[in-house]
Structure formats: structure tokens, C-alpha cells
Amino acid sequence: MERTLSIIKPDGVRRGLIGEVIKRLEAEEIKIVAMKMIHMTKKEAQGFYAVHKEKPFFDSLTDFMTSGPIVVMVLQGEDVIARYRKLMGATNYKEAEPGTIRADFATDIEKNVVHGSDAPETAAIEIKYFFSELEIVG
């Protein structure tokens, strides 16, 4: 069984899309094994996105991710990383397949509603950033 991290970003929370994202996960038989709502500090967001520290969008990304609460989840299932990434759609919502979360709800490349880990190694690091093993029930 594979695990991945999912984040419903501040724009998704603000717009009342938590239930819609969960509904789509469940429709794809992706199991949620941990979930909580948090409001990251700037320092926490900078730590999470440290891999992007030298990129020009780092400050706007960390500002956005601290602009409101987020919902972090651990998803589990067969090939869940690829399956969730397909469900999310391309990072640039204009390139996302119709029917994906980003194609249906994103308003720009940053405010694209959701985040998902891109590889097993990344998923392991990202999950540990937000959850202890005691919080994961799968």
C-alpha cells in the first residue's frame, strides 16, 4: 500500500470545497487514513516548501499558504500517488484535464485548490512534516 500527502489549500477551504475534494477521493476509492485542519505560520510554510526556497515564487507561495486554514490528509491505496495526481490535474489548471479538481475549481496556477506529493520519497517527507505515526490509522 502506498501513501501520499494531500493538502486542500486556503483557496479550497475558503471556497467551501473540502467536501467536494473528499467526495472525489472517495469516488475513486482512495482511503483517507489521517486528516486535520491547521493554519500554518510563515515559518512552517517556509519549512514545508524549503525545496523551492531559491525560486521566484517562494514568497508568494508561502504567503498564500499562510493566508488561511488548510486541510492536510494522508491518503492510502494502490498506486495512490499517481491516482491522486491524475484526480488533481496539472499544476497549471489551464492544462488540466476536464473533470479534474484543478480544471473544475482552480482560479490561477497558485490558487489551484490542492497539493499532492509527486513521488514516494517526497510523500514520506511531507507526511512526516504534518503527522506522527500515531495520527495515521491505516
C-alpha atoms as a PDB file:
ATOM      1  CA  MET A   1       0.000   0.000   0.000  1.00  0.00           C
ATOM      2  CA  GLU A   2       1.278   3.417  -0.963  1.00  0.00           C
ATOM      3  CA  ARG A   3       0.677   6.681   0.909  1.00  0.00           C
ATOM      4  CA  THR A   4       0.672  10.300  -0.206  1.00  0.00           C
ATOM      5  CA  LEU A   5       0.041  13.691   1.315  1.00  0.00           C
ATOM      6  CA  SER A   6      -2.901  15.775   0.190  1.00  0.00           C
ATOM      7  CA  ILE A   7      -3.452  19.415   1.059  1.00  0.00           C
ATOM      8  CA  ILE A   8      -6.633  21.337   0.427  1.00  0.00           C
ATOM      9  CA  LYS A   9      -5.125  24.802   0.103  1.00  0.00           C
ATOM     10  CA  PRO A  10      -6.513  28.027   1.635  1.00  0.00           C
ATOM     11  CA  ASP A  11      -8.483  28.848  -1.528  1.00  0.00           C
ATOM     12  CA  GLY A  12     -10.204  25.465  -1.431  1.00  0.00           C
ATOM     13  CA  VAL A  13     -11.054  25.792   2.261  1.00  0.00           C
ATOM     14  CA  ARG A  14     -12.229  29.390   1.837  1.00  0.00           C
ATOM     15  CA  ARG A  15     -14.483  28.444  -1.074  1.00  0.00           C
ATOM     16  CA  GLY A  16     -16.101  25.521   0.749  1.00  0.00           C
ATOM     17  CA  LEU A  17     -14.537  22.781  -1.386  1.00  0.00           C
ATOM     18  CA  ILE A  18     -13.413  20.410   1.404  1.00  0.00           C
ATOM     19  CA  GLY A  19     -16.441  18.154   0.973  1.00  0.00           C
ATOM     20  CA  GLU A  20     -16.131  18.168  -2.814  1.00  0.00           C
ATOM     21  CA  VAL A  21     -12.474  17.093  -2.674  1.00  0.00           C
ATOM     22  CA  ILE A  22     -13.264  14.329  -0.156  1.00  0.00           C
ATOM     23  CA  LYS A  23     -16.230  13.195  -2.268  1.00  0.00           C
ATOM     24  CA  ARG A  24     -13.943  12.836  -5.300  1.00  0.00           C
ATOM     25  CA  LEU A  25     -11.352  10.919  -3.272  1.00  0.00           C
ATOM     26  CA  GLU A  26     -13.990   8.509  -2.023  1.00  0.00           C
ATOM     27  CA  ALA A  27     -15.461   8.104  -5.518  1.00  0.00           C
ATOM     28  CA  GLU A  28     -12.008   6.941  -6.653  1.00  0.00           C
ATOM     29  CA  GLU A  29     -11.793   4.582  -3.656  1.00  0.00           C
ATOM     30  CA  ILE A  30      -8.825   6.480  -2.243  1.00  0.00           C
ATOM     31  CA  LYS A  31      -8.730   5.897   1.506  1.00  0.00           C
ATOM     32  CA  ILE A  32      -8.150   8.806   3.908  1.00  0.00           C
ATOM     33  CA  VAL A  33      -6.091   7.471   6.832  1.00  0.00           C
ATOM     34  CA  ALA A  34      -5.383  10.807   8.574  1.00  0.00           C
ATOM     35  CA  MET A  35      -6.868  14.302   8.339  1.00  0.00           C
ATOM     36  CA  LYS A  36      -6.731  17.618  10.187  1.00  0.00           C
ATOM     37  CA  MET A  37      -7.247  21.319   9.632  1.00  0.00           C
ATOM     38  CA  ILE A  38      -4.386  23.641  10.527  1.00  0.00           C
ATOM     39  CA  HIS A  39      -3.322  27.229   9.913  1.00  0.00           C
ATOM     40  CA  MET A  40       0.390  27.284   9.085  1.00  0.00           C
ATOM     41  CA  THR A  41       2.694  30.028  10.244  1.00  0.00           C
ATOM     42  CA  LYS A  42       5.045  31.638   7.742  1.00  0.00           C
ATOM     43  CA  LYS A  43       7.954  29.691   9.265  1.00  0.00           C
ATOM     44  CA  GLU A  44       6.061  26.389   8.939  1.00  0.00           C
ATOM     45  CA  ALA A  45       5.185  27.132   5.301  1.00  0.00           C
ATOM     46  CA  GLN A  46       8.796  28.074   4.553  1.00  0.00           C
ATOM     47  CA  GLY A  47       9.921  24.774   6.103  1.00  0.00           C
ATOM     48  CA  PHE A  48       7.429  22.741   4.105  1.00  0.00           C
ATOM     49  CA  TYR A  49       8.322  24.456   0.818  1.00  0.00           C
ATOM     50  CA  ALA A  50      12.086  24.664   1.526  1.00  0.00           C
ATOM     51  CA  VAL A  51      12.828  22.840  -1.763  1.00  0.00           C
ATOM     52  CA  HIS A  52      11.506  25.929  -3.573  1.00  0.00           C
ATOM     53  CA  LYS A  53      13.459  28.451  -1.456  1.00  0.00           C
ATOM     54  CA  GLU A  54      15.527  29.802  -4.363  1.00  0.00           C
ATOM     55  CA  LYS A  55      12.615  30.036  -6.795  1.00  0.00           C
ATOM     56  CA  PRO A  56      10.986  33.401  -7.573  1.00  0.00           C
ATOM     57  CA  PHE A  57       7.531  32.245  -6.421  1.00  0.00           C
ATOM     58  CA  PHE A  58       8.682  31.137  -2.919  1.00  0.00           C
ATOM     59  CA  ASP A  59       7.485  34.249  -1.058  1.00  0.00           C
ATOM     60  CA  SER A  60       4.113  34.451  -2.779  1.00  0.00           C
ATOM     61  CA  LEU A  61       3.590  30.692  -2.285  1.00  0.00           C
ATOM     62  CA  THR A  62       4.358  30.801   1.440  1.00  0.00           C
ATOM     63  CA  ASP A  63       2.239  33.958   1.846  1.00  0.00           C
ATOM     64  CA  PHE A  64      -0.661  32.228   0.101  1.00  0.00           C
ATOM     65  CA  MET A  65      -0.316  29.009   2.110  1.00  0.00           C
ATOM     66  CA  THR A  66      -0.484  31.000   5.358  1.00  0.00           C
ATOM     67  CA  SER A  67      -3.448  33.152   4.243  1.00  0.00           C
ATOM     68  CA  GLY A  68      -5.979  30.799   5.834  1.00  0.00           C
ATOM     69  CA  PRO A  69      -6.511  27.297   7.156  1.00  0.00           C
ATOM     70  CA  ILE A  70      -5.629  24.218   5.140  1.00  0.00           C
ATOM     71  CA  VAL A  71      -6.746  20.594   5.377  1.00  0.00           C
ATOM     72  CA  VAL A  72      -3.912  18.073   5.363  1.00  0.00           C
ATOM     73  CA  MET A  73      -4.637  14.412   4.720  1.00  0.00           C
ATOM     74  CA  VAL A  74      -2.741  11.172   4.353  1.00  0.00           C
ATOM     75  CA  LEU A  75      -4.175   9.123   1.514  1.00  0.00           C
ATOM     76  CA  GLN A  76      -3.545   5.411   1.125  1.00  0.00           C
ATOM     77  CA  GLY A  77      -4.136   2.914  -1.620  1.00  0.00           C
ATOM     78  CA  GLU A  78      -2.742   1.009  -4.544  1.00  0.00           C
ATOM     79  CA  ASP A  79      -0.694   3.401  -6.727  1.00  0.00           C
ATOM     80  CA  VAL A  80      -2.267   6.304  -4.780  1.00  0.00           C
ATOM     81  CA  ILE A  81       0.347   8.904  -5.751  1.00  0.00           C
ATOM     82  CA  ALA A  82      -0.320   8.562  -9.485  1.00  0.00           C
ATOM     83  CA  ARG A  83      -4.064   8.144  -8.966  1.00  0.00           C
ATOM     84  CA  TYR A  84      -4.339  11.272  -6.823  1.00  0.00           C
ATOM     85  CA  ARG A  85      -2.157  13.315  -9.181  1.00  0.00           C
ATOM     86  CA  LYS A  86      -4.454  12.316 -12.049  1.00  0.00           C
ATOM     87  CA  LEU A  87      -7.507  13.319  -9.984  1.00  0.00           C
ATOM     88  CA  MET A  88      -5.908  16.690  -9.135  1.00  0.00           C
ATOM     89  CA  GLY A  89      -4.964  17.554 -12.722  1.00  0.00           C
ATOM     90  CA  ALA A  90      -1.971  19.516 -13.984  1.00  0.00           C
ATOM     91  CA  THR A  91      -0.469  22.190 -11.712  1.00  0.00           C
ATOM     92  CA  ASN A  92      -1.359  24.757 -14.349  1.00  0.00           C
ATOM     93  CA  TYR A  93      -5.138  24.468 -14.259  1.00  0.00           C
ATOM     94  CA  LYS A  94      -5.346  25.649 -17.884  1.00  0.00           C
ATOM     95  CA  GLU A  95      -3.570  22.425 -18.882  1.00  0.00           C
ATOM     96  CA  ALA A  96      -5.579  20.177 -16.541  1.00  0.00           C
ATOM     97  CA  GLU A  97      -7.865  17.517 -17.990  1.00  0.00           C
ATOM     98  CA  PRO A  98     -11.596  18.325 -17.830  1.00  0.00           C
ATOM     99  CA  GLY A  99     -13.215  16.825 -14.741  1.00  0.00           C
ATOM    100  CA  THR A 100     -10.098  17.099 -12.564  1.00  0.00           C
ATOM    101  CA  ILE A 101     -10.139  19.114  -9.349  1.00  0.00           C
ATOM    102  CA  ARG A 102      -7.901  21.839 -10.751  1.00  0.00           C
ATOM    103  CA  ALA A 103      -9.714  22.102 -14.086  1.00  0.00           C
ATOM    104  CA  ASP A 104     -13.028  22.418 -12.263  1.00  0.00           C
ATOM    105  CA  PHE A 105     -12.049  24.734  -9.388  1.00  0.00           C
ATOM    106  CA  ALA A 106      -8.627  26.418  -9.729  1.00  0.00           C
ATOM    107  CA  THR A 107      -8.514  30.158 -10.339  1.00  0.00           C
ATOM    108  CA  ASP A 108      -4.791  30.532 -11.089  1.00  0.00           C
ATOM    109  CA  ILE A 109      -1.590  28.488 -11.051  1.00  0.00           C
ATOM    110  CA  GLU A 110      -1.011  29.168  -7.335  1.00  0.00           C
ATOM    111  CA  LYS A 111      -4.638  29.049  -6.207  1.00  0.00           C
ATOM    112  CA  ASN A 112      -5.154  25.584  -7.606  1.00  0.00           C
ATOM    113  CA  VAL A 113      -7.085  24.147  -4.627  1.00  0.00           C
ATOM    114  CA  VAL A 114      -4.960  21.070  -3.854  1.00  0.00           C
ATOM    115  CA  HIS A 115      -1.432  19.750  -3.401  1.00  0.00           C
ATOM    116  CA  GLY A 116      -0.251  16.170  -3.696  1.00  0.00           C
ATOM    117  CA  SER A 117       3.140  14.533  -3.273  1.00  0.00           C
ATOM    118  CA  ASP A 118       4.950  13.732  -6.518  1.00  0.00           C
ATOM    119  CA  ALA A 119       6.909  10.598  -5.512  1.00  0.00           C
ATOM    120  CA  PRO A 120       7.116   8.042  -2.681  1.00  0.00           C
ATOM    121  CA  GLU A 121      10.226   9.715  -1.213  1.00  0.00           C
ATOM    122  CA  THR A 122       8.563  13.136  -1.244  1.00  0.00           C
ATOM    123  CA  ALA A 123       5.374  11.675   0.212  1.00  0.00           C
ATOM    124  CA  ALA A 124       7.259  10.158   3.160  1.00  0.00           C
ATOM    125  CA  ILE A 125       8.922  13.505   3.967  1.00  0.00           C
ATOM    126  CA  GLU A 126       5.722  15.522   3.515  1.00  0.00           C
ATOM    127  CA  ILE A 127       3.601  13.156   5.610  1.00  0.00           C
ATOM    128  CA  LYS A 128       6.126  13.303   8.479  1.00  0.00           C
ATOM    129  CA  TYR A 129       6.035  17.112   8.300  1.00  0.00           C
ATOM    130  CA  PHE A 130       2.378  17.139   9.368  1.00  0.00           C
ATOM    131  CA  PHE A 131       1.623  13.776  11.011  1.00  0.00           C
ATOM    132  CA  SER A 132       3.073  11.384  13.576  1.00  0.00           C
ATOM    133  CA  GLU A 133       2.545   7.646  13.097  1.00  0.00           C
ATOM    134  CA  LEU A 134       0.033   7.755  15.982  1.00  0.00           C
ATOM    135  CA  GLU A 135      -2.232  10.017  13.909  1.00  0.00           C
ATOM    136  CA  ILE A 136      -2.355   7.678  10.912  1.00  0.00           C
ATOM    137  CA  VAL A 137      -4.966   4.948  11.179  1.00  0.00           C
ATOM    138  CA  GLY A 138      -4.398   2.893   8.048  1.00  0.00           C
END
